[in-house]
Amino acid sequence: MTDQRMTRPARAALASAVAVLALAGCGGKSELQPAPGQSLPPAPYAAEVQPTPSELITPSVQARPQRSDELLRRSEERREDRFNLPPG
């Protein structure tokens, strides 16, 4: 039976390849533009200006609400939930 652990040079090569790929992913940041021959979608109803591509892909507060990091300091009874019904 052969030993299937990686040798030190193989691990170093794998680590450097992962590092190069990670750095390559964060290199090209440029302003978003519509594809050639395409235009932006129409402005929303009653909008005064056409949103930019960056504004179009930024989620609203309703789409991504802020996370509450407040920790529970003491045990509390749950409020009555009229929708918590048994199955059936």
N, C-alpha and C. Protein backbone atom coordinates (compact mmCIF):
# COMPACT_ATOMS: atom_id res chain seq x y z
N MET A 1 0.84 -1.17 0.00
CA MET A 1 0.00 0.00 0.00
C MET A 1 0.89 1.24 0.00
N THR A 2 0.57 2.24 -0.80
CA THR A 2 1.41 3.43 -0.91
C THR A 2 0.90 4.52 0.01
N ASP A 3 1.80 5.38 0.39
CA ASP A 3 1.47 6.52 1.24
C ASP A 3 0.88 7.61 0.35
N GLN A 4 -0.35 8.10 0.65
CA GLN A 4 -1.02 9.03 -0.24
C GLN A 4 -0.99 10.47 0.27
N ARG A 5 -0.10 10.78 1.19
CA ARG A 5 0.03 12.16 1.64
C ARG A 5 0.80 12.97 0.62
N MET A 6 0.50 14.26 0.55
CA MET A 6 1.18 15.13 -0.41
C MET A 6 2.58 15.47 0.10
N THR A 7 3.52 15.57 -0.81
CA THR A 7 4.86 15.97 -0.44
C THR A 7 4.90 17.47 -0.21
N ARG A 8 5.92 17.94 0.43
CA ARG A 8 6.04 19.37 0.74
C ARG A 8 6.06 20.23 -0.53
N PRO A 9 6.79 19.88 -1.58
CA PRO A 9 6.74 20.69 -2.81
C PRO A 9 5.36 20.70 -3.46
N ALA A 10 4.65 19.57 -3.39
CA ALA A 10 3.31 19.52 -3.98
C ALA A 10 2.35 20.41 -3.21
N ARG A 11 2.48 20.41 -1.87
CA ARG A 11 1.64 21.29 -1.06
C ARG A 11 1.95 22.75 -1.33
N ALA A 12 3.21 23.08 -1.47
CA ALA A 12 3.60 24.46 -1.76
C ALA A 12 3.08 24.90 -3.12
N ALA A 13 3.14 24.02 -4.11
CA ALA A 13 2.63 24.35 -5.44
C ALA A 13 1.12 24.54 -5.41
N LEU A 14 0.43 23.70 -4.68
CA LEU A 14 -1.02 23.81 -4.56
C LEU A 14 -1.40 25.11 -3.84
N ALA A 15 -0.69 25.43 -2.78
CA ALA A 15 -0.98 26.67 -2.04
C ALA A 15 -0.72 27.90 -2.90
N SER A 16 0.35 27.88 -3.67
CA SER A 16 0.64 29.04 -4.52
C SER A 16 -0.39 29.16 -5.65
N ALA A 17 -0.86 28.03 -6.19
CA ALA A 17 -1.88 28.07 -7.24
C ALA A 17 -3.18 28.64 -6.69
N VAL A 18 -3.55 28.24 -5.49
CA VAL A 18 -4.76 28.78 -4.86
C VAL A 18 -4.61 30.28 -4.61
N ALA A 19 -3.44 30.72 -4.16
CA ALA A 19 -3.21 32.14 -3.91
C ALA A 19 -3.29 32.94 -5.21
N VAL A 20 -2.72 32.42 -6.29
CA VAL A 20 -2.76 33.12 -7.58
C VAL A 20 -4.20 33.23 -8.08
N LEU A 21 -4.98 32.17 -7.95
CA LEU A 21 -6.38 32.22 -8.38
C LEU A 21 -7.19 33.19 -7.53
N ALA A 22 -6.91 33.24 -6.25
CA ALA A 22 -7.63 34.17 -5.38
C ALA A 22 -7.30 35.62 -5.75
N LEU A 23 -6.06 35.90 -6.05
CA LEU A 23 -5.67 37.25 -6.43
C LEU A 23 -6.21 37.62 -7.81
N ALA A 24 -6.32 36.67 -8.70
CA ALA A 24 -6.83 36.96 -10.04
C ALA A 24 -8.30 37.35 -9.99
N GLY A 25 -9.04 36.85 -9.03
CA GLY A 25 -10.45 37.15 -8.93
C GLY A 25 -10.75 38.56 -8.49
N CYS A 26 -9.81 39.23 -7.85
CA CYS A 26 -10.10 40.57 -7.34
C CYS A 26 -9.40 41.66 -8.16
N GLY A 27 -8.99 41.35 -9.37
CA GLY A 27 -8.23 42.32 -10.14
C GLY A 27 -9.02 43.29 -10.98
N GLY A 28 -10.06 42.86 -11.67
CA GLY A 28 -10.72 43.72 -12.64
C GLY A 28 -12.02 44.32 -12.13
N LYS A 29 -11.95 45.51 -11.60
CA LYS A 29 -13.16 46.22 -11.19
C LYS A 29 -13.34 47.40 -12.12
N SER A 30 -14.43 47.42 -12.84
CA SER A 30 -14.72 48.55 -13.70
C SER A 30 -16.21 48.83 -13.63
N GLU A 31 -16.61 49.97 -14.12
CA GLU A 31 -18.02 50.35 -14.11
C GLU A 31 -18.82 49.41 -14.99
N LEU A 32 -19.99 49.00 -14.52
CA LEU A 32 -20.84 48.11 -15.30
C LEU A 32 -21.43 48.87 -16.49
N GLN A 33 -21.54 48.19 -17.59
CA GLN A 33 -22.13 48.76 -18.80
C GLN A 33 -23.05 47.73 -19.42
N PRO A 34 -24.10 48.16 -20.12
CA PRO A 34 -24.93 47.19 -20.83
C PRO A 34 -24.13 46.50 -21.94
N ALA A 35 -24.56 45.33 -22.31
CA ALA A 35 -23.90 44.60 -23.37
C ALA A 35 -23.99 45.39 -24.67
N PRO A 36 -23.04 45.22 -25.60
CA PRO A 36 -23.09 45.94 -26.87
C PRO A 36 -24.41 45.68 -27.60
N GLY A 37 -25.03 46.73 -28.08
CA GLY A 37 -26.30 46.62 -28.78
C GLY A 37 -27.51 46.59 -27.86
N GLN A 38 -27.29 46.60 -26.56
CA GLN A 38 -28.37 46.57 -25.58
C GLN A 38 -28.46 47.91 -24.86
N SER A 39 -29.59 48.18 -24.23
CA SER A 39 -29.73 49.40 -23.44
C SER A 39 -30.20 49.02 -22.05
N LEU A 40 -30.15 49.98 -21.16
CA LEU A 40 -30.62 49.74 -19.81
C LEU A 40 -32.13 49.55 -19.82
N PRO A 41 -32.68 48.87 -18.82
CA PRO A 41 -34.14 48.75 -18.77
C PRO A 41 -34.78 50.12 -18.59
N PRO A 42 -36.06 50.25 -18.91
CA PRO A 42 -36.69 51.56 -18.76
C PRO A 42 -36.68 52.02 -17.31
N ALA A 43 -36.70 53.32 -17.12
CA ALA A 43 -36.70 53.88 -15.76
C ALA A 43 -37.98 53.47 -15.04
N PRO A 44 -37.90 53.25 -13.74
CA PRO A 44 -39.10 52.92 -12.98
C PRO A 44 -40.15 54.02 -13.08
N TYR A 45 -41.39 53.64 -12.93
CA TYR A 45 -42.50 54.59 -13.01
C TYR A 45 -42.29 55.71 -12.01
N ALA A 46 -42.45 56.93 -12.43
CA ALA A 46 -42.35 58.15 -11.63
C ALA A 46 -40.91 58.45 -11.18
N ALA A 47 -39.92 57.77 -11.75
CA ALA A 47 -38.53 58.07 -11.40
C ALA A 47 -38.12 59.33 -12.16
N GLU A 48 -37.37 60.18 -11.47
CA GLU A 48 -36.95 61.44 -12.10
C GLU A 48 -35.73 61.23 -13.00
N VAL A 49 -34.87 60.27 -12.65
CA VAL A 49 -33.68 60.00 -13.45
C VAL A 49 -33.56 58.49 -13.69
N GLN A 50 -32.87 58.12 -14.75
CA GLN A 50 -32.60 56.72 -15.05
C GLN A 50 -31.54 56.21 -14.07
N PRO A 51 -31.80 55.10 -13.34
CA PRO A 51 -30.78 54.56 -12.44
C PRO A 51 -29.56 54.05 -13.22
N THR A 52 -28.40 54.17 -12.62
CA THR A 52 -27.17 53.65 -13.22
C THR A 52 -27.15 52.13 -13.06
N PRO A 53 -26.30 51.44 -13.81
CA PRO A 53 -26.21 49.99 -13.64
C PRO A 53 -25.86 49.58 -12.20
N SER A 54 -24.98 50.33 -11.55
CA SER A 54 -24.62 50.01 -10.17
C SER A 54 -25.81 50.16 -9.25
N GLU A 55 -26.62 51.18 -9.47
CA GLU A 55 -27.81 51.36 -8.64
C GLU A 55 -28.83 50.26 -8.88
N LEU A 56 -28.88 49.74 -10.11
CA LEU A 56 -29.84 48.69 -10.42
C LEU A 56 -29.51 47.37 -9.74
N ILE A 57 -28.22 47.09 -9.51
CA ILE A 57 -27.88 45.81 -8.88
C ILE A 57 -27.71 45.91 -7.38
N THR A 58 -27.78 47.12 -6.81
CA THR A 58 -27.68 47.27 -5.36
C THR A 58 -29.03 46.94 -4.74
N PRO A 59 -29.08 45.94 -3.84
CA PRO A 59 -30.36 45.56 -3.26
C PRO A 59 -30.88 46.65 -2.32
N SER A 60 -32.20 46.74 -2.25
CA SER A 60 -32.82 47.73 -1.37
C SER A 60 -32.74 47.26 0.08
N VAL A 61 -33.09 48.13 0.98
CA VAL A 61 -33.07 47.78 2.39
C VAL A 61 -34.10 46.68 2.66
N GLN A 62 -35.21 46.71 1.95
CA GLN A 62 -36.21 45.66 2.14
C GLN A 62 -35.70 44.31 1.64
N ALA A 63 -34.90 44.31 0.60
CA ALA A 63 -34.39 43.06 0.06
C ALA A 63 -33.31 42.47 0.96
N ARG A 64 -32.53 43.30 1.60
CA ARG A 64 -31.47 42.84 2.50
C ARG A 64 -31.53 43.62 3.79
N PRO A 65 -32.40 43.26 4.72
CA PRO A 65 -32.48 44.01 5.97
C PRO A 65 -31.21 43.85 6.80
N GLN A 66 -30.95 44.81 7.64
CA GLN A 66 -29.77 44.77 8.48
C GLN A 66 -29.89 43.64 9.50
N ARG A 67 -28.78 43.04 9.82
CA ARG A 67 -28.76 41.95 10.78
C ARG A 67 -28.73 42.51 12.18
N SER A 68 -29.45 41.90 13.08
CA SER A 68 -29.44 42.32 14.47
C SER A 68 -28.47 41.42 15.23
N ASP A 69 -27.43 42.01 15.79
CA ASP A 69 -26.45 41.25 16.54
C ASP A 69 -26.70 41.32 18.04
N GLU A 70 -27.88 41.77 18.41
CA GLU A 70 -28.19 41.90 19.82
C GLU A 70 -28.30 40.52 20.44
N LEU A 71 -27.53 40.29 21.48
CA LEU A 71 -27.53 39.00 22.15
C LEU A 71 -28.63 38.97 23.20
N LEU A 72 -29.20 37.81 23.41
CA LEU A 72 -30.17 37.68 24.49
C LEU A 72 -29.43 37.69 25.82
N ARG A 73 -29.84 38.55 26.71
CA ARG A 73 -29.19 38.65 28.02
C ARG A 73 -29.90 37.78 29.05
N ARG A 74 -31.19 37.54 28.84
CA ARG A 74 -31.94 36.72 29.79
C ARG A 74 -33.01 35.96 29.01
N SER A 75 -33.48 34.91 29.63
CA SER A 75 -34.51 34.10 29.01
C SER A 75 -35.84 34.85 29.07
N GLU A 76 -36.58 34.83 27.96
CA GLU A 76 -37.87 35.50 27.92
C GLU A 76 -38.92 34.55 27.36
N GLU A 77 -40.14 34.67 27.84
CA GLU A 77 -41.25 33.89 27.32
C GLU A 77 -41.59 34.38 25.93
N ARG A 78 -41.94 33.46 25.05
CA ARG A 78 -42.36 33.86 23.70
C ARG A 78 -43.76 34.46 23.76
N ARG A 79 -44.01 35.39 22.84
CA ARG A 79 -45.34 35.96 22.72
C ARG A 79 -46.28 34.89 22.17
N GLU A 80 -47.55 35.07 22.44
CA GLU A 80 -48.55 34.17 21.90
C GLU A 80 -48.58 34.28 20.38
N ASP A 81 -48.53 33.15 19.69
CA ASP A 81 -48.55 33.12 18.23
C ASP A 81 -49.82 32.42 17.79
N ARG A 82 -50.77 33.16 17.26
CA ARG A 82 -52.05 32.58 16.89
C ARG A 82 -51.93 31.65 15.68
N PHE A 83 -50.81 31.69 14.97
CA PHE A 83 -50.60 30.81 13.82
C PHE A 83 -49.85 29.54 14.18
N ASN A 84 -49.45 29.37 15.42
CA ASN A 84 -48.73 28.18 15.84
C ASN A 84 -49.77 27.10 16.18
N LEU A 85 -50.23 26.43 15.15
CA LEU A 85 -51.29 25.43 15.32
C LEU A 85 -50.72 24.03 15.15
N PRO A 86 -51.34 23.04 15.77
CA PRO A 86 -50.84 21.67 15.58
C PRO A 86 -51.11 21.22 14.15
N PRO A 87 -50.31 20.26 13.65
CA PRO A 87 -50.54 19.80 12.28
C PRO A 87 -51.88 19.09 12.15
N GLY A 88 -52.40 19.12 10.97
CA GLY A 88 -53.59 18.34 10.73
C GLY A 88 -54.70 19.13 10.25
